[in-house]
C-alpha atoms as a PDB file:
ATOM      1  CA  MET A   1     -34.862  74.497   6.768  1.00  0.00           C
ATOM      2  CA  LYS A   2     -31.785  73.526   4.635  1.00  0.00           C
ATOM      3  CA  THR A   3     -28.400  75.420   5.384  1.00  0.00           C
ATOM      4  CA  LYS A   4     -26.236  76.218   2.582  1.00  0.00           C
ATOM      5  CA  ASN A   5     -22.844  74.563   2.419  1.00  0.00           C
ATOM      6  CA  TYR A   6     -20.130  77.319   2.734  1.00  0.00           C
ATOM      7  CA  GLN A   7     -18.615  78.199  -0.608  1.00  0.00           C
ATOM      8  CA  PRO A   8     -15.442  80.074  -0.588  1.00  0.00           C
ATOM      9  CA  SER A   9     -15.177  83.105  -2.741  1.00  0.00           C
ATOM     10  CA  THR A  10     -13.181  83.297  -5.908  1.00  0.00           C
ATOM     11  CA  ARG A  11     -10.827  85.205  -4.165  1.00  0.00           C
ATOM     12  CA  ASN A  12     -10.412  82.848  -1.235  1.00  0.00           C
ATOM     13  CA  MET A  13     -10.367  79.773  -3.322  1.00  0.00           C
ATOM     14  CA  PHE A  14      -7.365  81.302  -5.483  1.00  0.00           C
ATOM     15  CA  ASP A  15      -5.718  82.191  -2.210  1.00  0.00           C
ATOM     16  CA  TYR A  16      -5.773  78.604  -1.112  1.00  0.00           C
ATOM     17  CA  ARG A  17      -4.744  77.209  -4.626  1.00  0.00           C
ATOM     18  CA  LEU A  18      -1.757  79.642  -4.143  1.00  0.00           C
ATOM     19  CA  LYS A  19      -0.848  78.111  -0.775  1.00  0.00           C
ATOM     20  CA  VAL A  20      -1.092  74.515  -2.562  1.00  0.00           C
ATOM     21  CA  PHE A  21       1.252  75.848  -5.525  1.00  0.00           C
ATOM     22  CA  HIS A  22       3.653  77.427  -3.060  1.00  0.00           C
ATOM     23  CA  THR A  23       3.771  73.984  -1.172  1.00  0.00           C
ATOM     24  CA  VAL A  24       4.347  71.917  -4.194  1.00  0.00           C
ATOM     25  CA  ALA A  25       6.850  74.456  -5.663  1.00  0.00           C
ATOM     26  CA  SER A  26       9.039  74.575  -2.521  1.00  0.00           C
ATOM     27  CA  ARG A  27       8.947  70.650  -1.885  1.00  0.00           C
ATOM     28  CA  LEU A  28       8.964  69.801  -5.588  1.00  0.00           C
ATOM     29  CA  SER A  29       6.751  66.970  -4.847  1.00  0.00           C
ATOM     30  CA  PHE A  30       3.022  66.483  -5.174  1.00  0.00           C
ATOM     31  CA  THR A  31       3.206  63.844  -2.487  1.00  0.00           C
ATOM     32  CA  LYS A  32       5.151  65.856   0.025  1.00  0.00           C
ATOM     33  CA  ALA A  33       2.800  68.763  -0.612  1.00  0.00           C
ATOM     34  CA  ALA A  34      -0.401  66.454   0.081  1.00  0.00           C
ATOM     35  CA  ASP A  35       0.956  65.205   3.428  1.00  0.00           C
ATOM     36  CA  GLU A  36       2.183  68.933   4.609  1.00  0.00           C
ATOM     37  CA  LEU A  37      -1.289  70.311   3.684  1.00  0.00           C
ATOM     38  CA  SER A  38      -3.306  67.115   4.887  1.00  0.00           C
ATOM     39  CA  ILE A  39      -5.207  66.589   1.637  1.00  0.00           C
ATOM     40  CA  SER A  40      -4.908  63.664  -1.037  1.00  0.00           C
ATOM     41  CA  GLN A  41      -2.597  63.925  -3.751  1.00  0.00           C
ATOM     42  CA  PRO A  42      -5.550  63.980  -6.579  1.00  0.00           C
ATOM     43  CA  ALA A  43      -6.756  67.296  -4.764  1.00  0.00           C
ATOM     44  CA  VAL A  44      -3.291  68.752  -4.999  1.00  0.00           C
ATOM     45  CA  THR A  45      -3.145  68.036  -8.768  1.00  0.00           C
ATOM     46  CA  LYS A  46      -6.596  69.601  -9.279  1.00  0.00           C
ATOM     47  CA  HIS A  47      -5.891  72.661  -7.580  1.00  0.00           C
ATOM     48  CA  ILE A  48      -2.484  73.001  -9.734  1.00  0.00           C
ATOM     49  CA  LYS A  49      -4.576  72.188 -12.691  1.00  0.00           C
ATOM     50  CA  GLU A  50      -7.041  75.047 -11.873  1.00  0.00           C
ATOM     51  CA  ILE A  51      -4.208  77.435 -11.522  1.00  0.00           C
ATOM     52  CA  GLU A  52      -2.883  76.321 -14.902  1.00  0.00           C
ATOM     53  CA  ASN A  53      -6.138  76.975 -16.592  1.00  0.00           C
ATOM     54  CA  GLN A  54      -7.016  80.230 -14.957  1.00  0.00           C
ATOM     55  CA  LEU A  55      -3.475  81.562 -15.929  1.00  0.00           C
ATOM     56  CA  ASN A  56      -3.534  79.602 -19.274  1.00  0.00           C
ATOM     57  CA  THR A  57       0.041  78.420 -18.726  1.00  0.00           C
ATOM     58  CA  LYS A  58       1.937  75.381 -17.638  1.00  0.00           C
ATOM     59  CA  LEU A  59       3.645  75.546 -14.144  1.00  0.00           C
ATOM     60  CA  PHE A  60       5.486  72.208 -13.655  1.00  0.00           C
ATOM     61  CA  ASP A  61       7.418  70.002 -16.083  1.00  0.00           C
ATOM     62  CA  ARG A  62       7.872  66.320 -15.232  1.00  0.00           C
ATOM     63  CA  LYS A  63      11.183  64.691 -15.738  1.00  0.00           C
ATOM     64  CA  GLY A  64      11.070  60.969 -14.615  1.00  0.00           C
ATOM     65  CA  THR A  65       9.938  60.719 -11.175  1.00  0.00           C
ATOM     66  CA  SER A  66      10.542  64.406 -10.325  1.00  0.00           C
ATOM     67  CA  ILE A  67       9.080  67.679 -11.241  1.00  0.00           C
ATOM     68  CA  GLN A  68      10.620  71.055 -12.029  1.00  0.00           C
ATOM     69  CA  LEU A  69       8.966  74.702 -12.318  1.00  0.00           C
ATOM     70  CA  THR A  70       8.562  75.920 -15.636  1.00  0.00           C
ATOM     71  CA  GLN A  71       9.398  79.551 -16.550  1.00  0.00           C
ATOM     72  CA  SER A  72       5.811  80.420 -15.914  1.00  0.00           C
ATOM     73  CA  GLY A  73       5.964  78.497 -12.374  1.00  0.00           C
ATOM     74  CA  THR A  74       9.109  80.367 -11.265  1.00  0.00           C
ATOM     75  CA  ILE A  75       7.219  83.723 -12.135  1.00  0.00           C
ATOM     76  CA  LEU A  76       4.332  82.547 -10.151  1.00  0.00           C
ATOM     77  CA  LEU A  77       6.159  81.394  -7.289  1.00  0.00           C
ATOM     78  CA  GLY A  78       7.807  84.808  -6.820  1.00  0.00           C
ATOM     79  CA  TYR A  79       4.401  86.501  -6.667  1.00  0.00           C
ATOM     80  CA  ALA A  80       3.167  83.707  -4.224  1.00  0.00           C
ATOM     81  CA  GLU A  81       6.075  84.559  -1.854  1.00  0.00           C
ATOM     82  CA  LYS A  82       5.183  88.211  -2.193  1.00  0.00           C
ATOM     83  CA  ILE A  83       1.549  87.756  -1.274  1.00  0.00           C
ATOM     84  CA  ARG A  84       2.207  85.258   1.411  1.00  0.00           C
ATOM     85  CA  ASN A  85       4.664  87.834   2.957  1.00  0.00           C
ATOM     86  CA  VAL A  86       2.093  90.543   2.723  1.00  0.00           C
ATOM     87  CA  TYR A  87      -0.542  88.678   4.443  1.00  0.00           C
ATOM     88  CA  ARG A  88       1.729  87.470   7.109  1.00  0.00           C
ATOM     89  CA  ASP A  89       2.996  91.000   7.953  1.00  0.00           C
ATOM     90  CA  LEU A  90      -0.329  92.379   7.991  1.00  0.00           C
ATOM     91  CA  GLU A  91      -1.820  89.859  10.372  1.00  0.00           C
ATOM     92  CA  PHE A  92       1.306  90.094  12.614  1.00  0.00           C
ATOM     93  CA  GLU A  93       1.274  93.860  12.593  1.00  0.00           C
ATOM     94  CA  ILE A  94      -2.362  94.112  13.494  1.00  0.00           C
ATOM     95  CA  ASN A  95      -1.818  91.631  16.336  1.00  0.00           C
ATOM     96  CA  GLN A  96       0.886  93.636  17.763  1.00  0.00           C
ATOM     97  CA  VAL A  97      -0.595  97.106  17.609  1.00  0.00           C
ATOM     98  CA  ASN A  98      -0.236  98.839  21.008  1.00  0.00           C
ATOM     99  CA  LYS A  99       1.836  96.247  22.591  1.00  0.00           C
ATOM    100  CA  GLN A 100       5.254  97.183  23.942  1.00  0.00           C
ATOM    101  CA  HIS A 101       8.031  94.683  24.093  1.00  0.00           C
ATOM    102  CA  LYS A 102      11.226  95.119  25.816  1.00  0.00           C
ATOM    103  CA  GLY A 103      14.065  92.961  27.078  1.00  0.00           C
ATOM    104  CA  LYS A 104      16.892  90.686  25.922  1.00  0.00           C
ATOM    105  CA  LEU A 105      16.934  87.131  24.401  1.00  0.00           C
ATOM    106  CA  ILE A 106      19.962  85.032  24.225  1.00  0.00           C
ATOM    107  CA  ILE A 107      19.894  82.666  21.331  1.00  0.00           C
ATOM    108  CA  GLY A 108      22.174  79.652  20.664  1.00  0.00           C
ATOM    109  CA  ALA A 109      22.349  78.099  17.275  1.00  0.00           C
ATOM    110  CA  SER A 110      24.454  75.447  15.655  1.00  0.00           C
ATOM    111  CA  THR A 111      26.659  76.560  12.999  1.00  0.00           C
ATOM    112  CA  THR A 112      24.619  76.280   9.667  1.00  0.00           C
ATOM    113  CA  VAL A 113      21.531  77.778  11.260  1.00  0.00           C
ATOM    114  CA  ALA A 114      23.533  80.805  12.800  1.00  0.00           C
ATOM    115  CA  GLN A 115      25.482  81.433   9.325  1.00  0.00           C
ATOM    116  CA  TYR A 116      22.855  80.927   6.784  1.00  0.00           C
ATOM    117  CA  ILE A 117      19.103  80.793   8.295  1.00  0.00           C
ATOM    118  CA  LEU A 118      19.032  83.027  11.029  1.00  0.00           C
ATOM    119  CA  PRO A 119      20.717  86.542  10.176  1.00  0.00           C
ATOM    120  CA  GLU A 120      17.741  87.492   7.871  1.00  0.00           C
ATOM    121  CA  ILE A 121      15.085  86.426  10.340  1.00  0.00           C
ATOM    122  CA  LEU A 122      16.902  88.482  13.208  1.00  0.00           C
ATOM    123  CA  ALA A 123      17.190  91.628  11.043  1.00  0.00           C
ATOM    124  CA  LYS A 124      13.365  91.071  10.202  1.00  0.00           C
ATOM    125  CA  PHE A 125      12.728  90.751  13.899  1.00  0.00           C
ATOM    126  CA  HIS A 126      14.639  93.677  14.891  1.00  0.00           C
ATOM    127  CA  SER A 127      12.830  95.953  12.294  1.00  0.00           C
ATOM    128  CA  TYR A 128       9.650  95.167  14.364  1.00  0.00           C
ATOM    129  CA  TYR A 129      10.854  95.149  18.133  1.00  0.00           C
ATOM    130  CA  LYS A 130      13.891  97.633  18.297  1.00  0.00           C
ATOM    131  CA  ASP A 131      13.685  97.536  22.232  1.00  0.00           C
ATOM    132  CA  ILE A 132      14.370  93.824  22.364  1.00  0.00           C
ATOM    133  CA  LYS A 133      18.158  93.034  22.407  1.00  0.00           C
ATOM    134  CA  ILE A 134      19.423  89.951  20.742  1.00  0.00           C
ATOM    135  CA  GLU A 135      22.679  88.033  21.565  1.00  0.00           C
ATOM    136  CA  LEU A 136      23.331  84.979  19.157  1.00  0.00           C
ATOM    137  CA  ILE A 137      25.975  82.455  20.306  1.00  0.00           C
ATOM    138  CA  THR A 138      27.281  79.906  17.795  1.00  0.00           C
ATOM    139  CA  ASN A 139      28.367  76.372  18.419  1.00  0.00           C
ATOM    140  CA  ASN A 140      27.742  72.986  17.195  1.00  0.00           C
ATOM    141  CA  THR A 141      24.686  71.141  18.184  1.00  0.00           C
ATOM    142  CA  GLU A 142      26.068  69.224  21.282  1.00  0.00           C
ATOM    143  CA  ASN A 143      27.407  72.368  23.034  1.00  0.00           C
ATOM    144  CA  ILE A 144      24.100  74.438  22.153  1.00  0.00           C
ATOM    145  CA  SER A 145      22.249  71.723  23.927  1.00  0.00           C
ATOM    146  CA  SER A 146      24.800  71.848  26.904  1.00  0.00           C
ATOM    147  CA  LEU A 147      24.418  75.793  27.015  1.00  0.00           C
ATOM    148  CA  LEU A 148      20.442  75.463  27.056  1.00  0.00           C
ATOM    149  CA  GLN A 149      20.539  72.733  29.828  1.00  0.00           C
ATOM    150  CA  ASN A 150      22.977  74.964  32.084  1.00  0.00           C
ATOM    151  CA  GLY A 151      20.550  78.312  31.631  1.00  0.00           C
ATOM    152  CA  LYS A 152      23.285  80.041  29.385  1.00  0.00           C
ATOM    153  CA  ILE A 153      20.706  80.571  26.572  1.00  0.00           C
ATOM    154  CA  ASP A 154      16.960  81.090  26.358  1.00  0.00           C
ATOM    155  CA  LEU A 155      16.458  78.734  23.267  1.00  0.00           C
ATOM    156  CA  GLY A 156      18.424  77.055  20.850  1.00  0.00           C
ATOM    157  CA  PHE A 157      18.328  75.993  17.026  1.00  0.00           C
ATOM    158  CA  THR A 158      20.100  72.784  16.078  1.00  0.00           C
ATOM    159  CA  GLU A 159      20.600  70.604  13.257  1.00  0.00           C
ATOM    160  CA  GLY A 160      21.193  67.333  14.899  1.00  0.00           C
ATOM    161  CA  GLU A 161      19.083  64.303  15.352  1.00  0.00           C
ATOM    162  CA  SER A 162      19.536  63.279  18.833  1.00  0.00           C
ATOM    163  CA  GLN A 163      16.918  64.498  21.186  1.00  0.00           C
ATOM    164  CA  SER A 164      17.065  64.707  24.900  1.00  0.00           C
ATOM    165  CA  SER A 165      14.326  64.444  27.408  1.00  0.00           C
ATOM    166  CA  LEU A 166      15.159  67.440  28.961  1.00  0.00           C
ATOM    167  CA  PHE A 167      13.913  69.694  26.294  1.00  0.00           C
ATOM    168  CA  GLU A 168      10.881  70.255  23.848  1.00  0.00           C
ATOM    169  CA  TYR A 169      11.697  70.133  20.105  1.00  0.00           C
ATOM    170  CA  LYS A 170       9.742  72.077  17.370  1.00  0.00           C
ATOM    171  CA  PRO A 171      10.419  71.581  13.751  1.00  0.00           C
ATOM    172  CA  PHE A 172      11.587  74.991  12.433  1.00  0.00           C
ATOM    173  CA  LYS A 173      12.701  74.677   8.824  1.00  0.00           C
ATOM    174  CA  PRO A 174      12.937  71.730   6.161  1.00  0.00           C
ATOM    175  CA  ASP A 175      16.624  71.164   4.698  1.00  0.00           C
ATOM    176  CA  GLU A 176      18.260  68.915   2.545  1.00  0.00           C
ATOM    177  CA  ILE A 177      21.952  67.625   2.614  1.00  0.00           C
ATOM    178  CA  VAL A 178      23.555  66.879  -0.656  1.00  0.00           C
ATOM    179  CA  LEU A 179      26.787  65.875  -2.046  1.00  0.00           C
ATOM    180  CA  VAL A 180      28.997  68.698  -3.236  1.00  0.00           C
ATOM    181  CA  ALA A 181      32.138  69.178  -5.566  1.00  0.00           C
ATOM    182  CA  ARG A 182      33.814  71.859  -7.118  1.00  0.00           C
ATOM    183  CA  ALA A 183      32.156  73.060 -10.727  1.00  0.00           C
ATOM    184  CA  HIS A 184      33.620  70.911 -13.533  1.00  0.00           C
ATOM    185  CA  HIS A 185      34.717  67.920 -11.143  1.00  0.00           C
ATOM    186  CA  GLN A 186      35.129  64.807 -13.203  1.00  0.00           C
ATOM    187  CA  MET A 187      32.092  63.094 -11.262  1.00  0.00           C
ATOM    188  CA  ILE A 188      29.710  65.658 -12.554  1.00  0.00           C
ATOM    189  CA  ASN A 189      26.915  64.080 -14.695  1.00  0.00           C
ATOM    190  CA  LYS A 190      28.057  60.571 -13.892  1.00  0.00           C
ATOM    191  CA  ASN A 191      25.737  57.814 -12.713  1.00  0.00           C
ATOM    192  CA  VAL A 192      26.554  57.716  -8.849  1.00  0.00           C
ATOM    193  CA  SER A 193      25.256  55.130  -6.748  1.00  0.00           C
ATOM    194  CA  ILE A 194      25.561  55.101  -2.733  1.00  0.00           C
ATOM    195  CA  LYS A 195      28.264  52.407  -3.165  1.00  0.00           C
ATOM    196  CA  ASP A 196      30.403  54.905  -4.982  1.00  0.00           C
ATOM    197  CA  VAL A 197      31.051  56.868  -1.689  1.00  0.00           C
ATOM    198  CA  TYR A 198      33.649  54.253  -0.760  1.00  0.00           C
ATOM    199  CA  ASN A 199      35.741  55.365  -3.574  1.00  0.00           C
ATOM    200  CA  LEU A 200      35.344  59.034  -2.951  1.00  0.00           C
ATOM    201  CA  GLU A 201      37.854  61.467  -0.853  1.00  0.00           C
ATOM    202  CA  LEU A 202      35.399  63.014   1.732  1.00  0.00           C
ATOM    203  CA  ILE A 203      35.488  66.245   3.861  1.00  0.00           C
ATOM    204  CA  PHE A 204      33.327  65.895   7.090  1.00  0.00           C
ATOM    205  CA  ARG A 205      32.195  68.319   9.830  1.00  0.00           C
ATOM    206  CA  GLU A 206      33.908  67.969  13.218  1.00  0.00           C
ATOM    207  CA  GLN A 207      32.677  65.456  16.156  1.00  0.00           C
ATOM    208  CA  GLY A 208      29.869  67.178  17.887  1.00  0.00           C
ATOM    209  CA  SER A 209      28.175  68.650  14.714  1.00  0.00           C
ATOM    210  CA  GLY A 210      24.589  67.948  14.311  1.00  0.00           C
ATOM    211  CA  SER A 211      25.004  67.646  10.479  1.00  0.00           C
ATOM    212  CA  LEU A 212      27.879  65.047  10.958  1.00  0.00           C
ATOM    213  CA  GLU A 213      25.704  63.000  13.157  1.00  0.00           C
ATOM    214  CA  PHE A 214      22.716  63.097  10.702  1.00  0.00           C
ATOM    215  CA  ILE A 215      24.837  62.408   7.649  1.00  0.00           C
ATOM    216  CA  GLN A 216      26.420  59.325   9.332  1.00  0.00           C
ATOM    217  CA  ASN A 217      23.040  57.884  10.301  1.00  0.00           C
ATOM    218  CA  ARG A 218      21.467  58.302   6.913  1.00  0.00           C
ATOM    219  CA  LEU A 219      24.698  56.648   5.335  1.00  0.00           C
ATOM    220  CA  LYS A 220      24.525  53.654   7.942  1.00  0.00           C
ATOM    221  CA  ASP A 221      20.604  53.273   7.041  1.00  0.00           C
ATOM    222  CA  SER A 222      21.798  52.814   3.445  1.00  0.00           C
ATOM    223  CA  GLY A 223      24.288  50.067   4.442  1.00  0.00           C
ATOM    224  CA  ILE A 224      27.380  52.233   4.535  1.00  0.00           C
ATOM    225  CA  ASP A 225      30.229  51.393   6.827  1.00  0.00           C
ATOM    226  CA  ILE A 226      31.356  54.591   8.008  1.00  0.00           C
ATOM    227  CA  GLU A 227      34.710  53.285   9.118  1.00  0.00           C
ATOM    228  CA  LYS A 228      35.590  52.329   5.502  1.00  0.00           C
ATOM    229  CA  LEU A 229      34.978  55.754   4.101  1.00  0.00           C
ATOM    230  CA  ASN A 230      38.001  57.740   2.893  1.00  0.00           C
ATOM    231  CA  ILE A 231      37.490  60.813   5.016  1.00  0.00           C
ATOM    232  CA  VAL A 232      40.507  63.129   4.219  1.00  0.00           C
ATOM    233  CA  MET A 233      39.849  65.765   6.822  1.00  0.00           C
ATOM    234  CA  GLN A 234      37.372  67.088   9.329  1.00  0.00           C
ATOM    235  CA  LEU A 235      36.603  70.881   9.463  1.00  0.00           C
ATOM    236  CA  GLY A 236      34.816  73.066  11.915  1.00  0.00           C
ATOM    237  CA  SER A 237      32.353  74.984   9.380  1.00  0.00           C
ATOM    238  CA  SER A 238      30.493  74.714   6.271  1.00  0.00           C
ATOM    239  CA  GLU A 239      32.693  77.703   5.208  1.00  0.00           C
ATOM    240  CA  SER A 240      35.881  76.002   5.671  1.00  0.00           C
ATOM    241  CA  ILE A 241      34.613  72.935   3.862  1.00  0.00           C
ATOM    242  CA  LYS A 242      33.496  75.102   0.935  1.00  0.00           C
ATOM    243  CA  ASN A 243      36.688  76.801   0.556  1.00  0.00           C
ATOM    244  CA  TYR A 244      38.495  73.609   0.677  1.00  0.00           C
ATOM    245  CA  LEU A 245      36.398  71.945  -2.011  1.00  0.00           C
ATOM    246  CA  LEU A 246      37.283  74.779  -4.460  1.00  0.00           C
ATOM    247  CA  HIS A 247      40.837  74.050  -4.150  1.00  0.00           C
ATOM    248  CA  SER A 248      40.634  69.996  -4.276  1.00  0.00           C
ATOM    249  CA  ASP A 249      39.000  67.015  -5.889  1.00  0.00           C
ATOM    250  CA  CYS A 250      37.338  66.076  -2.591  1.00  0.00           C
ATOM    251  CA  MET A 251      33.635  65.901  -1.916  1.00  0.00           C
ATOM    252  CA  ALA A 252      31.494  66.795   1.139  1.00  0.00           C
ATOM    253  CA  PHE A 253      27.864  66.247   2.229  1.00  0.00           C
ATOM    254  CA  LEU A 254      26.434  69.925   2.775  1.00  0.00           C
ATOM    255  CA  SER A 255      23.287  71.671   3.665  1.00  0.00           C
ATOM    256  CA  ILE A 256      21.801  72.950   0.530  1.00  0.00           C
ATOM    257  CA  SER A 257      21.099  76.176   2.641  1.00  0.00           C
ATOM    258  CA  THR A 258      24.737  76.753   2.874  1.00  0.00           C
ATOM    259  CA  ILE A 259      25.633  76.505  -0.931  1.00  0.00           C
ATOM    260  CA  LEU A 260      22.983  78.656  -2.604  1.00  0.00           C
ATOM    261  CA  ASN A 261      25.284  81.434  -3.517  1.00  0.00           C
ATOM    262  CA  GLU A 262      28.046  79.113  -4.900  1.00  0.00           C
ATOM    263  CA  LEU A 263      25.227  77.132  -7.057  1.00  0.00           C
ATOM    264  CA  LYS A 264      24.222  80.612  -8.324  1.00  0.00           C
ATOM    265  CA  ASN A 265      27.760  81.530  -9.074  1.00  0.00           C
ATOM    266  CA  LYS A 266      28.594  78.342 -10.570  1.00  0.00           C
ATOM    267  CA  THR A 267      31.511  77.485  -8.280  1.00  0.00           C
ATOM    268  CA  LEU A 268      30.133  74.417  -6.632  1.00  0.00           C
ATOM    269  CA  SER A 269      27.951  71.512  -7.953  1.00  0.00           C
ATOM    270  CA  ILE A 270      25.797  68.982  -6.788  1.00  0.00           C
ATOM    271  CA  ILE A 271      26.310  65.327  -7.419  1.00  0.00           C
ATOM    272  CA  ASP A 272      23.118  63.252  -7.688  1.00  0.00           C
ATOM    273  CA  ILE A 273      23.424  59.911  -5.960  1.00  0.00           C
ATOM    274  CA  LYS A 274      20.803  57.512  -7.392  1.00  0.00           C
ATOM    275  CA  ASN A 275      17.940  56.450  -5.028  1.00  0.00           C
ATOM    276  CA  PHE A 276      19.575  58.317  -2.340  1.00  0.00           C
ATOM    277  CA  SER A 277      18.614  61.664  -0.405  1.00  0.00           C
ATOM    278  CA  ILE A 278      19.103  63.077   2.915  1.00  0.00           C
ATOM    279  CA  GLU A 279      16.169  65.331   4.022  1.00  0.00           C
ATOM    280  CA  ARG A 280      15.608  66.835   7.595  1.00  0.00           C
ATOM    281  CA  ASP A 281      14.289  69.617   9.771  1.00  0.00           C
ATOM    282  CA  PHE A 282      16.210  71.923  11.613  1.00  0.00           C
ATOM    283  CA  HIS A 283      14.610  72.264  15.313  1.00  0.00           C
ATOM    284  CA  CYS A 284      14.080  74.915  17.666  1.00  0.00           C
ATOM    285  CA  ILE A 285      14.788  73.550  21.221  1.00  0.00           C
ATOM    286  CA  LEU A 286      13.382  74.919  24.497  1.00  0.00           C
ATOM    287  CA  PRO A 287      13.211  73.930  28.063  1.00  0.00           C
ATOM    288  CA  LYS A 288      10.202  72.243  29.030  1.00  0.00           C
ATOM    289  CA  GLY A 289       7.520  74.101  30.869  1.00  0.00           C
ATOM    290  CA  GLU A 290       6.217  77.718  30.504  1.00  0.00           C
ATOM    291  CA  GLN A 291       8.021  80.069  28.327  1.00  0.00           C
ATOM    292  CA  SER A 292       8.670  83.531  28.830  1.00  0.00           C
ATOM    293  CA  GLU A 293       6.706  86.123  26.864  1.00  0.00           C
ATOM    294  CA  LEU A 294       9.772  87.233  24.874  1.00  0.00           C
ATOM    295  CA  ILE A 295      10.440  83.711  23.818  1.00  0.00           C
ATOM    296  CA  ARG A 296       6.716  83.065  22.911  1.00  0.00           C
ATOM    297  CA  LEU A 297       6.798  86.316  20.774  1.00  0.00           C
ATOM    298  CA  PHE A 298       9.977  85.075  18.819  1.00  0.00           C
ATOM    299  CA  LEU A 299       8.388  81.813  18.243  1.00  0.00           C
ATOM    300  CA  GLN A 300       5.261  83.419  17.155  1.00  0.00           C
ATOM    301  CA  PHE A 301       7.284  85.463  14.610  1.00  0.00           C
ATOM    302  CA  ILE A 302       9.351  82.823  13.104  1.00  0.00           C
ATOM    303  CA  SER A 303       6.211  80.727  12.652  1.00  0.00           C
ATOM    304  CA  ARG A 304       5.047  83.186  10.018  1.00  0.00           C
ATOM    305  CA  ILE A 305       8.259  83.320   8.082  1.00  0.00           C
END
């Protein structure tokens, strides 16, 4: 007796293709999407082509080695986000029916994560679990690690590269660091190479910042001598750096998560550096060993966002 191969329904296949599309659109890369989904790049291309055929539209434009969303692609991404959120919320709420959770979580987060990533997540979490109290402590990556080691916080979120054998590290959210200047800066639209950074006036974060460590390491990997850079000033937050840039010709390497509003309002601009990019993951850090029920619940929640 022969068994039939499982064939997903049309609905299930379209749901999967939406997942493929969402991954490509988020990463703006077929190669990165294939790696993340553990499928081949031709398979990614095929799924995107099937959606384009079904909707009778083009979703991506190729520009050299990069891709961009078309207007149709932008519209579909919005709906894909809504569908993804509905499925996530449905599954999560069903799993939490009749469960009661109370207590307090003390979370430490480095500055970028605390200011730009966590507030929306914490508001959503509170809407589900009103009896769980949250305290958020903001500091740089180095100090967050110290707080966790000394038991002052339950878990942390950091943006640094150094890792300690004392903790368990879980990738939390992908990020990209870009070179930023005020709008209409004279360097905008110019062909900038990595060696040109020696001629720039730069603003950096303070010592102990995870972002500073990561930026310096990536620059060193590209042959840049940090000691020869023209570092005008070091400031303690991305907000301080952004406001400084608005009133000067200096530039800074900043997380793209921190400048979304400024890009939308066209007060700051990204300076592209040829053949150079800084990509990273924000991390959740935990003490090694068994975690409390509240920590497990919070990690389960953020994994679905």
